[in-house]
């Protein structure tokens, strides 16, 4: 499995959260630093992320929102939020939040030492405890 395209919505010395698509099969996830590790995840040699599944059209919807403001750059598009005016950010923020709200529960944990391109990573399924 490889990263086909990703949009970094947040970054600090590499991506901290965003949308990721694997291969060309349309599988799309919201990725974010693992909340269990908090900001300390930024300091680990391998940055830990959790992945939540999203509908397969989410990446295309986000591209449509941002492409009028800057040209996409792949494999990881780091959005330049600071260059957008406040009015534009105020219009885009609720749309992005609505899209991210479509994410399902955490299904995978991904770790990478390269949060800039995700050229190398490991991934494992997260098994939720079964309620009795």
C-alpha atoms as a PDB file:
ATOM      1  CA  UNK A   1       0.000   0.000   0.000  1.00  0.00           C
ATOM      2  CA  UNK A   2       1.283   3.480  -0.831  1.00  0.00           C
ATOM      3  CA  UNK A   3       0.088   7.030  -0.346  1.00  0.00           C
ATOM      4  CA  UNK A   4      -1.461   8.201  -3.601  1.00  0.00           C
ATOM      5  CA  UNK A   5      -2.469  11.730  -2.529  1.00  0.00           C
ATOM      6  CA  UNK A   6      -2.788  13.638   0.739  1.00  0.00           C
ATOM      7  CA  UNK A   7      -3.849  17.122   1.782  1.00  0.00           C
ATOM      8  CA  UNK A   8      -2.206  18.412   4.965  1.00  0.00           C
ATOM      9  CA  UNK A   9      -4.663  20.655   6.797  1.00  0.00           C
ATOM     10  CA  UNK A  10      -2.251  21.219   9.677  1.00  0.00           C
ATOM     11  CA  UNK A  11       1.498  21.066   9.929  1.00  0.00           C
ATOM     12  CA  UNK A  12       4.359  21.514  12.332  1.00  0.00           C
ATOM     13  CA  UNK A  13       7.663  20.110  11.070  1.00  0.00           C
ATOM     14  CA  UNK A  14       5.545  18.009   8.711  1.00  0.00           C
ATOM     15  CA  UNK A  15       1.877  17.099   8.550  1.00  0.00           C
ATOM     16  CA  UNK A  16      -0.147  16.920  11.754  1.00  0.00           C
ATOM     17  CA  UNK A  17      -3.573  16.232  10.239  1.00  0.00           C
ATOM     18  CA  UNK A  18      -5.410  16.093   6.950  1.00  0.00           C
ATOM     19  CA  UNK A  19      -6.920  13.766   4.371  1.00  0.00           C
ATOM     20  CA  UNK A  20      -5.071  10.805   2.867  1.00  0.00           C
ATOM     21  CA  UNK A  21      -5.856   8.490  -0.040  1.00  0.00           C
ATOM     22  CA  UNK A  22      -4.112   5.143  -0.446  1.00  0.00           C
ATOM     23  CA  UNK A  23      -3.242   3.889  -3.913  1.00  0.00           C
ATOM     24  CA  UNK A  24      -5.799   4.724  -6.569  1.00  0.00           C
ATOM     25  CA  UNK A  25      -8.567   2.586  -5.118  1.00  0.00           C
ATOM     26  CA  UNK A  26     -10.390   5.511  -3.526  1.00  0.00           C
ATOM     27  CA  UNK A  27      -9.866   4.556   0.124  1.00  0.00           C
ATOM     28  CA  UNK A  28      -9.774   7.904   1.935  1.00  0.00           C
ATOM     29  CA  UNK A  29      -9.021   8.652   5.595  1.00  0.00           C
ATOM     30  CA  UNK A  30      -8.837  11.616   7.934  1.00  0.00           C
ATOM     31  CA  UNK A  31      -5.427  11.393   9.580  1.00  0.00           C
ATOM     32  CA  UNK A  32      -4.444  13.190  12.761  1.00  0.00           C
ATOM     33  CA  UNK A  33      -1.777  12.882  15.410  1.00  0.00           C
ATOM     34  CA  UNK A  34      -2.788  10.148  17.801  1.00  0.00           C
ATOM     35  CA  UNK A  35      -4.641  11.978  20.599  1.00  0.00           C
ATOM     36  CA  UNK A  36      -3.221   9.488  23.138  1.00  0.00           C
ATOM     37  CA  UNK A  37       0.232  10.917  22.440  1.00  0.00           C
ATOM     38  CA  UNK A  38      -0.873  14.565  22.386  1.00  0.00           C
ATOM     39  CA  UNK A  39       1.689  17.105  21.223  1.00  0.00           C
ATOM     40  CA  UNK A  40       4.488  14.816  22.384  1.00  0.00           C
ATOM     41  CA  UNK A  41       3.821  12.853  19.164  1.00  0.00           C
ATOM     42  CA  UNK A  42       5.578  15.694  17.367  1.00  0.00           C
ATOM     43  CA  UNK A  43       8.812  14.813  19.164  1.00  0.00           C
ATOM     44  CA  UNK A  44       8.839  11.068  18.497  1.00  0.00           C
ATOM     45  CA  UNK A  45      11.292   9.778  15.867  1.00  0.00           C
ATOM     46  CA  UNK A  46       8.235   8.174  14.254  1.00  0.00           C
ATOM     47  CA  UNK A  47       5.156  10.399  14.247  1.00  0.00           C
ATOM     48  CA  UNK A  48       1.988   8.477  15.291  1.00  0.00           C
ATOM     49  CA  UNK A  49      -1.319   9.097  13.496  1.00  0.00           C
ATOM     50  CA  UNK A  50      -4.791   7.610  13.740  1.00  0.00           C
ATOM     51  CA  UNK A  51      -6.862   7.075  10.590  1.00  0.00           C
ATOM     52  CA  UNK A  52     -10.643   7.457  10.358  1.00  0.00           C
ATOM     53  CA  UNK A  53     -12.424   6.377   7.148  1.00  0.00           C
ATOM     54  CA  UNK A  54     -14.192   8.966   5.000  1.00  0.00           C
ATOM     55  CA  UNK A  55     -16.425   8.712   1.927  1.00  0.00           C
ATOM     56  CA  UNK A  56     -14.357   8.174  -1.236  1.00  0.00           C
ATOM     57  CA  UNK A  57     -15.350  11.568  -2.725  1.00  0.00           C
ATOM     58  CA  UNK A  58     -14.002  13.658   0.178  1.00  0.00           C
ATOM     59  CA  UNK A  59     -10.577  14.286  -1.310  1.00  0.00           C
ATOM     60  CA  UNK A  60     -12.120  15.520  -4.563  1.00  0.00           C
ATOM     61  CA  UNK A  61     -14.502  17.778  -2.614  1.00  0.00           C
ATOM     62  CA  UNK A  62     -11.573  19.327  -0.713  1.00  0.00           C
ATOM     63  CA  UNK A  63      -9.598  19.787  -3.921  1.00  0.00           C
ATOM     64  CA  UNK A  64     -12.588  21.660  -5.375  1.00  0.00           C
ATOM     65  CA  UNK A  65     -12.664  23.933  -2.292  1.00  0.00           C
ATOM     66  CA  UNK A  66      -8.950  24.797  -2.346  1.00  0.00           C
ATOM     67  CA  UNK A  67      -7.948  24.658  -6.030  1.00  0.00           C
ATOM     68  CA  UNK A  68      -9.354  28.152  -6.743  1.00  0.00           C
ATOM     69  CA  UNK A  69      -6.896  29.513  -4.129  1.00  0.00           C
ATOM     70  CA  UNK A  70      -3.751  27.505  -4.947  1.00  0.00           C
ATOM     71  CA  UNK A  71      -2.662  24.761  -7.322  1.00  0.00           C
ATOM     72  CA  UNK A  72      -2.576  21.219  -5.896  1.00  0.00           C
ATOM     73  CA  UNK A  73       0.864  19.692  -5.315  1.00  0.00           C
ATOM     74  CA  UNK A  74       1.184  15.918  -4.965  1.00  0.00           C
ATOM     75  CA  UNK A  75       1.858  13.543  -3.320  1.00  0.00           C
ATOM     76  CA  UNK A  76       1.266  15.738  -0.238  1.00  0.00           C
ATOM     77  CA  UNK A  77      -0.354  19.128  -0.697  1.00  0.00           C
ATOM     78  CA  UNK A  78       0.475  21.396   2.247  1.00  0.00           C
ATOM     79  CA  UNK A  79      -2.227  24.045   2.196  1.00  0.00           C
ATOM     80  CA  UNK A  80      -0.957  27.558   2.731  1.00  0.00           C
ATOM     81  CA  UNK A  81      -3.638  28.745   5.148  1.00  0.00           C
ATOM     82  CA  UNK A  82      -1.602  31.769   6.208  1.00  0.00           C
ATOM     83  CA  UNK A  83      -1.821  33.165   2.671  1.00  0.00           C
ATOM     84  CA  UNK A  84      -5.626  33.104   2.580  1.00  0.00           C
ATOM     85  CA  UNK A  85      -7.479  36.193   3.722  1.00  0.00           C
ATOM     86  CA  UNK A  86      -9.622  35.978   6.854  1.00  0.00           C
ATOM     87  CA  UNK A  87     -12.867  36.176   4.897  1.00  0.00           C
ATOM     88  CA  UNK A  88     -11.907  33.174   2.757  1.00  0.00           C
ATOM     89  CA  UNK A  89     -10.829  31.165   5.804  1.00  0.00           C
ATOM     90  CA  UNK A  90     -14.148  31.997   7.512  1.00  0.00           C
ATOM     91  CA  UNK A  91     -16.012  30.607   4.493  1.00  0.00           C
ATOM     92  CA  UNK A  92     -13.851  27.479   4.146  1.00  0.00           C
ATOM     93  CA  UNK A  93     -13.517  26.502   7.831  1.00  0.00           C
ATOM     94  CA  UNK A  94     -17.155  25.383   8.375  1.00  0.00           C
ATOM     95  CA  UNK A  95     -17.107  23.451   5.096  1.00  0.00           C
ATOM     96  CA  UNK A  96     -13.936  21.625   6.134  1.00  0.00           C
ATOM     97  CA  UNK A  97     -15.333  20.901   9.609  1.00  0.00           C
ATOM     98  CA  UNK A  98     -18.499  19.456   8.034  1.00  0.00           C
ATOM     99  CA  UNK A  99     -16.409  17.190   5.803  1.00  0.00           C
ATOM    100  CA  UNK A 100     -14.238  16.002   8.712  1.00  0.00           C
ATOM    101  CA  UNK A 101     -17.402  15.296  10.744  1.00  0.00           C
ATOM    102  CA  UNK A 102     -18.186  12.563   8.199  1.00  0.00           C
ATOM    103  CA  UNK A 103     -15.223  10.495   9.450  1.00  0.00           C
ATOM    104  CA  UNK A 104     -15.938   7.156  11.052  1.00  0.00           C
ATOM    105  CA  UNK A 105     -14.215   5.674  14.103  1.00  0.00           C
ATOM    106  CA  UNK A 106     -10.466   5.085  14.226  1.00  0.00           C
ATOM    107  CA  UNK A 107      -9.650   1.982  12.195  1.00  0.00           C
ATOM    108  CA  UNK A 108      -5.867   2.203  11.717  1.00  0.00           C
ATOM    109  CA  UNK A 109      -2.761   3.597  13.362  1.00  0.00           C
ATOM    110  CA  UNK A 110      -0.031   4.838  11.033  1.00  0.00           C
ATOM    111  CA  UNK A 111       3.516   5.774  12.038  1.00  0.00           C
ATOM    112  CA  UNK A 112       6.071   7.495   9.859  1.00  0.00           C
ATOM    113  CA  UNK A 113       9.467   9.098  10.229  1.00  0.00           C
ATOM    114  CA  UNK A 114       8.638  11.222   7.151  1.00  0.00           C
ATOM    115  CA  UNK A 115       5.572  13.415   7.837  1.00  0.00           C
ATOM    116  CA  UNK A 116       6.443  15.508   4.744  1.00  0.00           C
ATOM    117  CA  UNK A 117       5.898  12.895   2.026  1.00  0.00           C
ATOM    118  CA  UNK A 118       4.878   9.721   3.929  1.00  0.00           C
ATOM    119  CA  UNK A 119       7.367   7.911   1.676  1.00  0.00           C
ATOM    120  CA  UNK A 120       7.791   5.226   4.342  1.00  0.00           C
ATOM    121  CA  UNK A 121       5.302   4.247   7.006  1.00  0.00           C
ATOM    122  CA  UNK A 122       3.876   1.339   8.935  1.00  0.00           C
ATOM    123  CA  UNK A 123       0.195   0.787   9.446  1.00  0.00           C
ATOM    124  CA  UNK A 124      -1.791  -1.529  11.681  1.00  0.00           C
ATOM    125  CA  UNK A 125      -5.488  -2.099  12.265  1.00  0.00           C
ATOM    126  CA  UNK A 126      -6.856  -0.857  15.571  1.00  0.00           C
ATOM    127  CA  UNK A 127      -9.125  -3.330  17.320  1.00  0.00           C
ATOM    128  CA  UNK A 128     -11.719  -1.739  19.538  1.00  0.00           C
ATOM    129  CA  UNK A 129     -12.708  -3.663  22.686  1.00  0.00           C
ATOM    130  CA  UNK A 130     -16.045  -5.422  22.326  1.00  0.00           C
ATOM    131  CA  UNK A 131     -18.721  -4.224  24.789  1.00  0.00           C
ATOM    132  CA  UNK A 132     -20.432  -6.917  26.824  1.00  0.00           C
END
